[in-house]
């Protein structure tokens, strides 16, 4: 399929239509899942066997994704996009999508979240296409634990991917690690040391109810407060960074001796819903206004029927307007989404 679209131009007839919900939150940050397929089987995300993936024809094409992002950026004020999966690097030619998105001048930031297994091969093409920010999911530096958590023996490939990203020269490289009570406490310490030795920020994410097996329990959540206590005791005192980014999900800390930065994404213990500016586009073209949403809005149908941008924007604005005040994990009203994380988009 040939790709031709004028990007980055706003004529006098086009009026900015910010994506604002009923609580006044303006949505400028989009997470785009390019596939639900993955080459790992992390227990907190996917079932071990018999995973049913979408057929290729049901995925948005790169051209459809770019058209959607261009519309949101030029008309609705979108400034940030992060590509996710599944594992985005299993989709062929991802650097081509990166290149297309980089041609949209209104976008200030394009990032990628990956498990790193294929990054050794793709770091250079992604960088050459314009990507500068990359997050790598890695919960442990212990090979046996890695096999336990992911059900695959690929730690060496992930570490090679991290090294390749450093060598290529990405401006921002971060490690994302899921923290689980009674399981990953020692991993905190080794990853904390890794942050100090490499200069890469490690971000610990509280275990969230998004697992395919619906085995999440509150007792399994390793809270940020406890993680700070462990790291301060075992390595060095952790202190909050003075610079705070309002809409960022992570709160950053630095070791007192200045060596190493650690972030905490405290979705359970310290929800950041009040400042949320994110929405999601799934691999098959559904808009989700919240990671934990029970409702979705189909835009693939509109993209494939060739509607005008205003019709597409109307559909997205309806979804954003219906966003709830928060995810309600700490409420009796909370319902875990039917979709697990790999299917929603990380």
Protein backbone atom coordinates (compact mmCIF):
# COMPACT_ATOMS: atom_id res chain seq x y z
CA UNK A 1 0.00 0.00 0.00
CA UNK A 2 1.40 3.40 -0.92
CA UNK A 3 1.44 6.07 1.75
CA UNK A 4 0.74 9.70 1.00
CA UNK A 5 -0.65 12.20 3.46
CA UNK A 6 0.11 15.81 4.18
CA UNK A 7 1.12 16.11 7.79
CA UNK A 8 1.72 19.00 10.12
CA UNK A 9 -0.44 21.57 8.29
CA UNK A 10 -3.41 23.37 9.81
CA UNK A 11 -5.33 25.65 7.48
CA UNK A 12 -7.71 28.39 8.53
CA UNK A 13 -10.73 26.12 8.32
CA UNK A 14 -9.32 23.66 10.87
CA UNK A 15 -10.07 24.53 14.46
CA UNK A 16 -8.24 22.96 17.40
CA UNK A 17 -10.58 20.66 19.31
CA UNK A 18 -8.82 19.63 22.53
CA UNK A 19 -9.75 16.21 23.89
CA UNK A 20 -11.15 17.28 27.25
CA UNK A 21 -13.13 15.06 29.60
CA UNK A 22 -15.85 16.12 32.04
CA UNK A 23 -13.25 16.65 34.79
CA UNK A 24 -11.25 19.13 32.73
CA UNK A 25 -8.37 16.76 31.91
CA UNK A 26 -6.92 17.50 28.47
CA UNK A 27 -5.63 14.40 26.68
CA UNK A 28 -2.40 14.97 24.79
CA UNK A 29 -0.73 11.58 25.27
CA UNK A 30 -1.64 8.52 23.17
CA UNK A 31 -0.45 4.94 23.59
CA UNK A 32 -0.71 2.97 20.36
CA UNK A 33 -0.61 -0.83 20.40
CA UNK A 34 0.69 -2.14 17.08
CA UNK A 35 0.12 -5.84 17.87
CA UNK A 36 -1.18 -8.14 20.58
CA UNK A 37 1.49 -10.75 19.78
CA UNK A 38 4.42 -11.26 22.12
CA UNK A 39 7.50 -13.48 22.30
CA UNK A 40 7.27 -13.77 26.11
CA UNK A 41 4.53 -15.16 28.34
CA UNK A 42 4.87 -13.05 31.49
CA UNK A 43 2.58 -14.50 34.15
CA UNK A 44 1.13 -11.12 35.17
CA UNK A 45 0.14 -10.33 31.58
CA UNK A 46 -0.52 -13.46 29.50
CA UNK A 47 -1.68 -17.05 29.90
CA UNK A 48 1.03 -19.70 29.58
CA UNK A 49 -0.53 -21.53 26.64
CA UNK A 50 -3.21 -21.35 23.94
CA UNK A 51 -3.12 -17.59 23.42
CA UNK A 52 -5.46 -16.47 20.66
CA UNK A 53 -3.96 -13.59 18.67
CA UNK A 54 -5.64 -11.28 16.18
CA UNK A 55 -5.30 -12.15 12.48
CA UNK A 56 -3.18 -9.64 10.53
CA UNK A 57 -6.17 -8.29 8.59
CA UNK A 58 -7.75 -7.14 11.86
CA UNK A 59 -4.78 -4.95 12.80
CA UNK A 60 -4.60 -1.30 11.91
CA UNK A 61 -2.10 -0.70 9.12
CA UNK A 62 0.78 1.70 9.66
CA UNK A 63 -0.94 4.11 7.27
CA UNK A 64 -4.16 3.95 9.30
CA UNK A 65 -2.27 4.54 12.54
CA UNK A 66 -0.44 7.50 11.03
CA UNK A 67 -3.64 9.01 9.67
CA UNK A 68 -5.25 8.75 13.12
CA UNK A 69 -2.24 10.22 14.94
CA UNK A 70 -1.91 13.02 12.38
CA UNK A 71 -5.56 13.94 12.86
CA UNK A 72 -5.24 13.97 16.64
CA UNK A 73 -1.99 15.98 16.50
CA UNK A 74 -2.99 18.62 13.97
CA UNK A 75 -6.58 19.06 15.13
CA UNK A 76 -6.77 18.02 18.78
CA UNK A 77 -3.44 18.95 20.35
CA UNK A 78 -1.88 15.50 20.67
CA UNK A 79 1.84 15.91 21.46
CA UNK A 80 3.06 12.50 22.67
CA UNK A 81 2.80 8.99 21.26
CA UNK A 82 4.17 5.75 22.69
CA UNK A 83 4.19 2.55 20.64
CA UNK A 84 3.39 -0.61 22.58
CA UNK A 85 2.12 -4.17 22.18
CA UNK A 86 2.07 -7.07 22.91
CA UNK A 87 5.66 -6.79 21.85
CA UNK A 88 5.85 -4.09 19.16
CA UNK A 89 9.14 -5.28 17.68
CA UNK A 90 7.57 -8.56 16.50
CA UNK A 91 5.59 -6.55 13.94
CA UNK A 92 7.54 -6.33 10.72
CA UNK A 93 9.07 -3.01 9.73
CA UNK A 94 8.19 -1.00 12.83
CA UNK A 95 10.84 1.57 11.92
CA UNK A 96 8.65 2.48 8.94
CA UNK A 97 5.83 3.53 11.28
CA UNK A 98 8.31 5.48 13.42
CA UNK A 99 9.48 7.34 10.33
CA UNK A 100 5.91 8.21 9.35
CA UNK A 101 5.09 9.49 12.83
CA UNK A 102 8.28 11.53 12.99
CA UNK A 103 7.05 13.51 9.98
CA UNK A 104 4.19 14.93 12.09
CA UNK A 105 5.67 18.19 13.33
CA UNK A 106 3.17 18.68 16.17
CA UNK A 107 4.44 15.59 17.98
CA UNK A 108 7.00 16.55 20.61
CA UNK A 109 7.75 13.02 21.76
CA UNK A 110 7.60 9.53 20.24
CA UNK A 111 8.52 6.62 22.46
CA UNK A 112 8.54 2.84 22.40
CA UNK A 113 8.01 0.21 25.09
CA UNK A 114 9.59 -3.17 24.35
CA UNK A 115 10.74 -6.31 26.15
CA UNK A 116 14.08 -5.86 24.41
CA UNK A 117 14.47 -9.34 22.95
CA UNK A 118 14.65 -8.09 19.35
CA UNK A 119 16.17 -4.71 20.17
CA UNK A 120 19.72 -5.80 19.43
CA UNK A 121 18.69 -6.19 15.78
CA UNK A 122 16.38 -3.19 15.51
CA UNK A 123 17.94 -0.45 17.67
CA UNK A 124 19.83 1.13 14.75
CA UNK A 125 16.92 1.16 12.23
CA UNK A 126 14.60 2.60 14.89
CA UNK A 127 17.11 5.31 15.78
CA UNK A 128 17.72 6.11 12.11
CA UNK A 129 13.94 6.47 11.65
CA UNK A 130 13.85 9.15 14.36
CA UNK A 131 13.07 7.29 17.59
CA UNK A 132 14.89 8.73 20.61
CA UNK A 133 13.03 7.39 23.66
CA UNK A 134 12.76 3.75 24.65
CA UNK A 135 11.48 1.86 27.70
CA UNK A 136 12.54 -1.76 28.21
CA UNK A 137 10.53 -4.14 30.39
CA UNK A 138 12.81 -6.19 32.65
CA UNK A 139 11.72 -7.51 36.06
CA UNK A 140 14.88 -9.34 37.13
CA UNK A 141 18.57 -9.76 36.34
CA UNK A 142 18.54 -13.37 37.54
CA UNK A 143 18.30 -15.89 34.68
CA UNK A 144 16.26 -18.49 36.60
CA UNK A 145 13.83 -15.88 37.87
CA UNK A 146 13.55 -14.45 34.36
CA UNK A 147 12.53 -17.89 33.12
CA UNK A 148 10.02 -18.16 35.97
CA UNK A 149 8.46 -14.73 35.36
CA UNK A 150 8.40 -14.80 31.55
CA UNK A 151 8.25 -18.56 30.86
CA UNK A 152 11.09 -18.04 28.38
CA UNK A 153 14.92 -18.15 28.57
CA UNK A 154 15.80 -14.84 26.93
CA UNK A 155 17.56 -12.71 29.56
CA UNK A 156 20.79 -12.56 27.54
CA UNK A 157 18.91 -11.17 24.53
CA UNK A 158 17.27 -8.45 26.64
CA UNK A 159 20.63 -7.40 28.09
CA UNK A 160 22.10 -7.33 24.58
CA UNK A 161 19.20 -5.13 23.51
CA UNK A 162 19.84 -2.69 26.34
CA UNK A 163 23.51 -2.50 25.39
CA UNK A 164 22.60 -1.93 21.73
CA UNK A 165 20.26 0.93 22.69
CA UNK A 166 23.06 2.55 24.69
CA UNK A 167 25.55 2.14 21.87
CA UNK A 168 23.18 3.61 19.28
CA UNK A 169 22.69 6.70 21.43
CA UNK A 170 19.04 6.92 22.47
CA UNK A 171 18.39 10.10 24.46
CA UNK A 172 16.18 8.33 27.01
CA UNK A 173 16.46 4.68 28.06
CA UNK A 174 14.42 3.44 31.00
CA UNK A 175 13.83 0.02 32.54
CA UNK A 176 10.29 -0.90 33.64
CA UNK A 177 9.99 -3.59 36.33
CA UNK A 178 6.80 -4.97 37.87
CA UNK A 179 7.06 -5.33 41.65
CA UNK A 180 5.23 -8.15 43.44
CA UNK A 181 5.07 -8.77 47.18
CA UNK A 182 6.89 -11.90 48.30
CA UNK A 183 8.52 -12.41 44.91
CA UNK A 184 10.58 -9.50 43.60
CA UNK A 185 12.06 -7.86 46.72
CA UNK A 186 15.59 -9.07 45.95
CA UNK A 187 15.18 -8.01 42.33
CA UNK A 188 14.64 -4.46 43.57
CA UNK A 189 18.14 -4.41 44.99
CA UNK A 190 19.90 -5.86 41.93
CA UNK A 191 18.00 -3.54 39.58
CA UNK A 192 18.75 -0.61 41.88
CA UNK A 193 22.44 -1.45 41.61
CA UNK A 194 22.01 -1.76 37.84
CA UNK A 195 20.66 1.81 37.75
CA UNK A 196 23.72 3.02 39.65
CA UNK A 197 26.18 1.16 37.44
CA UNK A 198 24.66 2.04 34.04
CA UNK A 199 23.05 5.44 34.61
CA UNK A 200 19.75 4.05 33.27
CA UNK A 201 16.66 5.02 35.27
CA UNK A 202 14.82 1.97 36.62
CA UNK A 203 11.10 2.37 37.27
CA UNK A 204 9.22 -0.04 39.53
CA UNK A 205 5.53 -0.56 38.78
CA UNK A 206 3.08 -1.72 41.43
CA UNK A 207 1.42 -4.99 40.39
CA UNK A 208 -1.93 -4.13 38.76
CA UNK A 209 -5.07 -6.23 38.15
CA UNK A 210 -4.50 -6.78 34.44
CA UNK A 211 -3.33 -10.41 34.38
CA UNK A 212 -4.92 -12.87 31.99
CA UNK A 213 -5.58 -15.43 34.73
CA UNK A 214 -7.32 -12.90 37.02
CA UNK A 215 -5.06 -14.04 39.87
CA UNK A 216 -4.30 -10.51 41.13
CA UNK A 217 -4.73 -9.98 44.85
CA UNK A 218 -4.11 -6.81 46.84
CA UNK A 219 -1.81 -8.77 49.15
CA UNK A 220 0.54 -9.32 46.18
CA UNK A 221 1.09 -5.59 45.63
CA UNK A 222 4.53 -4.40 46.69
CA UNK A 223 3.84 -0.78 47.52
CA UNK A 224 6.15 2.08 46.55
CA UNK A 225 6.62 3.08 50.19
CA UNK A 226 7.94 -0.40 51.01
CA UNK A 227 10.20 -0.42 47.94
CA UNK A 228 11.75 2.90 48.95
CA UNK A 229 12.39 1.48 52.41
CA UNK A 230 14.09 -1.64 51.01
CA UNK A 231 16.27 0.26 48.54
CA UNK A 232 17.28 2.88 51.12
CA UNK A 233 18.28 0.18 53.59
CA UNK A 234 20.07 -2.16 51.17
CA UNK A 235 21.80 0.36 48.90
CA UNK A 236 21.63 4.05 49.85
CA UNK A 237 19.05 6.56 51.04
CA UNK A 238 16.53 7.43 48.32
CA UNK A 239 15.33 11.02 48.16
CA UNK A 240 12.60 12.54 45.96
CA UNK A 241 13.87 14.44 42.93
CA UNK A 242 13.14 18.15 43.05
CA UNK A 243 11.85 18.32 39.48
CA UNK A 244 8.29 16.97 39.28
CA UNK A 245 6.57 16.36 35.94
CA UNK A 246 2.85 16.98 36.44
CA UNK A 247 1.41 14.37 34.07
CA UNK A 248 4.14 11.74 34.39
CA UNK A 249 2.95 8.46 35.96
CA UNK A 250 6.29 7.91 37.70
CA UNK A 251 7.60 9.79 40.71
CA UNK A 252 11.40 9.92 40.52
CA UNK A 253 13.87 9.47 43.36
CA UNK A 254 17.66 9.69 43.46
CA UNK A 255 20.13 7.95 45.71
CA UNK A 256 21.60 10.38 48.23
CA UNK A 257 25.12 9.96 46.88
CA UNK A 258 23.96 11.07 43.43
CA UNK A 259 24.49 7.70 41.74
CA UNK A 260 21.33 6.28 40.22
CA UNK A 261 17.74 7.35 39.65
CA UNK A 262 14.70 5.25 40.52
CA UNK A 263 11.08 5.85 39.51
CA UNK A 264 7.92 4.48 41.08
CA UNK A 265 4.63 4.04 39.25
CA UNK A 266 2.23 3.68 42.15
CA UNK A 267 -1.03 2.95 40.34
CA UNK A 268 -2.52 1.17 43.35
CA UNK A 269 -1.21 3.00 46.41
CA UNK A 270 -0.93 6.51 44.92
CA UNK A 271 -3.27 6.74 41.91
CA UNK A 272 -2.45 9.56 39.50
CA UNK A 273 -5.86 9.60 37.80
CA UNK A 274 -6.47 13.29 38.61
CA UNK A 275 -3.58 14.28 36.34
CA UNK A 276 -4.09 11.62 33.67
CA UNK A 277 -3.74 12.91 30.10
CA UNK A 278 -3.59 9.51 28.36
CA UNK A 279 -5.82 7.52 26.09
CA UNK A 280 -5.19 4.33 24.14
CA UNK A 281 -5.58 2.94 20.65
CA UNK A 282 -5.61 -0.86 20.55
CA UNK A 283 -4.07 -2.90 17.75
CA UNK A 284 -7.47 -3.51 16.16
CA UNK A 285 -8.51 0.15 16.30
CA UNK A 286 -10.45 0.54 19.54
CA UNK A 287 -10.16 3.69 21.65
CA UNK A 288 -9.89 3.16 25.41
CA UNK A 289 -10.09 6.27 27.56
CA UNK A 290 -8.52 4.46 30.53
CA UNK A 291 -6.33 1.41 30.98
CA UNK A 292 -9.06 -0.05 33.20
CA UNK A 293 -12.00 1.00 31.07
CA UNK A 294 -14.90 -1.38 30.53
CA UNK A 295 -15.91 0.40 27.32
CA UNK A 296 -14.25 0.83 23.93
CA UNK A 297 -14.92 2.97 20.87
CA UNK A 298 -14.27 1.54 17.40
CA UNK A 299 -12.37 3.85 15.04
CA UNK A 300 -11.06 1.20 12.63
CA UNK A 301 -14.46 1.15 10.94
CA UNK A 302 -14.26 4.91 10.40
CA UNK A 303 -10.65 4.83 9.17
CA UNK A 304 -11.46 2.12 6.64
CA UNK A 305 -14.64 3.78 5.39
CA UNK A 306 -12.83 7.01 4.52
CA UNK A 307 -14.79 9.42 6.71
CA UNK A 308 -13.80 13.06 7.14
CA UNK A 309 -11.56 13.95 10.06
CA UNK A 310 -14.39 15.71 11.92
CA UNK A 311 -16.37 12.47 12.10
CA UNK A 312 -13.33 10.66 13.48
CA UNK A 313 -12.71 13.43 16.03
CA UNK A 314 -16.35 13.38 17.14
CA UNK A 315 -16.09 9.67 17.90
CA UNK A 316 -12.88 10.11 19.92
CA UNK A 317 -14.28 13.09 21.82
CA UNK A 318 -17.32 11.04 22.82
CA UNK A 319 -15.00 8.41 24.28
CA UNK A 320 -12.89 10.95 26.18
CA UNK A 321 -15.99 12.74 27.50
CA UNK A 322 -17.18 9.46 29.05
CA UNK A 323 -13.95 8.91 31.03
CA UNK A 324 -14.48 8.21 34.72
CA UNK A 325 -12.86 10.20 37.48
CA UNK A 326 -10.50 7.34 38.34
CA UNK A 327 -9.82 3.62 37.95
CA UNK A 328 -11.50 2.69 41.28
CA UNK A 329 -8.99 -0.06 42.15
CA UNK A 330 -9.31 0.97 45.79
CA UNK A 331 -13.11 0.93 45.64
CA UNK A 332 -15.66 -1.84 46.03
CA UNK A 333 -16.96 -0.76 42.60
CA UNK A 334 -13.78 -1.86 40.80
CA UNK A 335 -14.14 -4.40 38.01
CA UNK A 336 -11.07 -5.90 36.36
CA UNK A 337 -11.17 -5.40 32.57
CA UNK A 338 -12.00 -8.45 30.50
CA UNK A 339 -8.89 -7.80 28.41
CA UNK A 340 -5.47 -8.60 29.87
CA UNK A 341 -2.58 -6.18 29.43
CA UNK A 342 -1.12 -7.71 26.25
CA UNK A 343 -4.45 -7.29 24.51
CA UNK A 344 -5.02 -3.70 25.65
CA UNK A 345 -1.54 -2.40 24.97
CA UNK A 346 1.12 -1.75 27.60
